[in-house]
Amino acid sequence: MEKRKLGNSGLEVSALGLGCMSMTSAYGPAADKGEMIKLMRSAHDKGVTFFDTAEAYGPLCK
């Protein structure tokens, strides 16, 4: 998986990311929590380290 540097911080994340807004009720009924956890774990297992999340999306995992 290719990496990208974030600004001058020295932090690196995967070039591909996973947007998490659609996992919540932002676009309609929230997706199944268990399935979304599986999705996030699968993405991480494949090398994704950039997850686009925001507190405004609401809680997904507690």
Protein backbone atom coordinates (compact mmCIF):
# COMPACT_ATOMS: atom_id res chain seq x y z
CA MET A 1 0.00 0.00 0.00
CA GLU A 2 1.38 3.38 -0.97
CA LYS A 3 1.74 5.96 1.79
CA ARG A 4 1.29 9.73 1.89
CA LYS A 5 2.82 12.19 4.35
CA LEU A 6 0.48 14.51 6.21
CA GLY A 7 1.87 18.02 6.02
CA ASN A 8 5.13 18.55 7.88
CA SER A 9 4.16 16.35 10.81
CA GLY A 10 6.06 13.30 9.60
CA LEU A 11 2.92 11.19 9.94
CA GLU A 12 2.16 8.80 7.10
CA VAL A 13 -1.15 7.26 6.12
CA SER A 14 -2.23 4.95 3.34
CA ALA A 15 -2.83 6.57 -0.05
CA LEU A 16 -6.26 4.94 -0.05
CA GLY A 17 -8.66 5.78 2.72
CA LEU A 18 -12.03 4.65 3.95
CA GLY A 19 -14.78 7.24 4.34
CA CYS A 20 -16.97 6.38 7.31
CA MET A 21 -19.78 8.93 7.02
CA SER A 22 -22.04 6.55 5.10
CA MET A 23 -21.77 4.04 7.95
CA THR A 24 -23.87 6.32 10.15
CA SER A 25 -27.35 7.72 9.75
CA ALA A 26 -26.07 10.73 7.77
CA TYR A 27 -27.57 9.38 4.52
CA GLY A 28 -30.46 7.34 5.89
CA PRO A 29 -30.64 4.37 8.22
CA ALA A 30 -27.30 3.53 9.81
CA ALA A 31 -25.53 0.45 8.49
CA ASP A 32 -25.28 -2.67 10.62
CA LYS A 33 -22.68 -1.97 13.32
CA GLY A 34 -21.21 -5.48 13.20
CA GLU A 35 -20.84 -5.37 9.41
CA MET A 36 -19.17 -1.95 9.53
CA ILE A 37 -16.70 -3.18 12.15
CA LYS A 38 -15.87 -6.12 9.85
CA LEU A 39 -15.42 -3.69 6.95
CA MET A 40 -13.07 -1.46 8.93
CA ARG A 41 -11.02 -4.43 10.14
CA SER A 42 -10.80 -5.82 6.61
CA ALA A 43 -9.63 -2.46 5.27
CA HIS A 44 -6.99 -2.25 8.01
CA ASP A 45 -5.83 -5.81 7.26
CA LYS A 46 -5.32 -4.70 3.64
CA GLY A 47 -3.13 -1.77 4.72
CA VAL A 48 -5.61 1.10 5.00
CA THR A 49 -4.57 3.43 7.81
CA PHE A 50 -6.52 6.55 6.78
CA PHE A 51 -10.11 6.48 8.04
CA ASP A 52 -12.14 9.59 7.32
CA THR A 53 -14.19 10.07 10.48
CA ALA A 54 -15.69 13.00 12.34
CA GLU A 55 -17.39 13.30 15.69
CA ALA A 56 -20.31 14.90 13.85
CA TYR A 57 -21.02 11.56 12.12
CA GLY A 58 -22.08 10.12 15.46
CA PRO A 59 -20.79 7.07 17.34
CA LEU A 60 -20.07 3.90 15.38
CA CYS A 61 -17.87 1.89 17.70
CA LYS A 62 -17.93 2.08 21.47
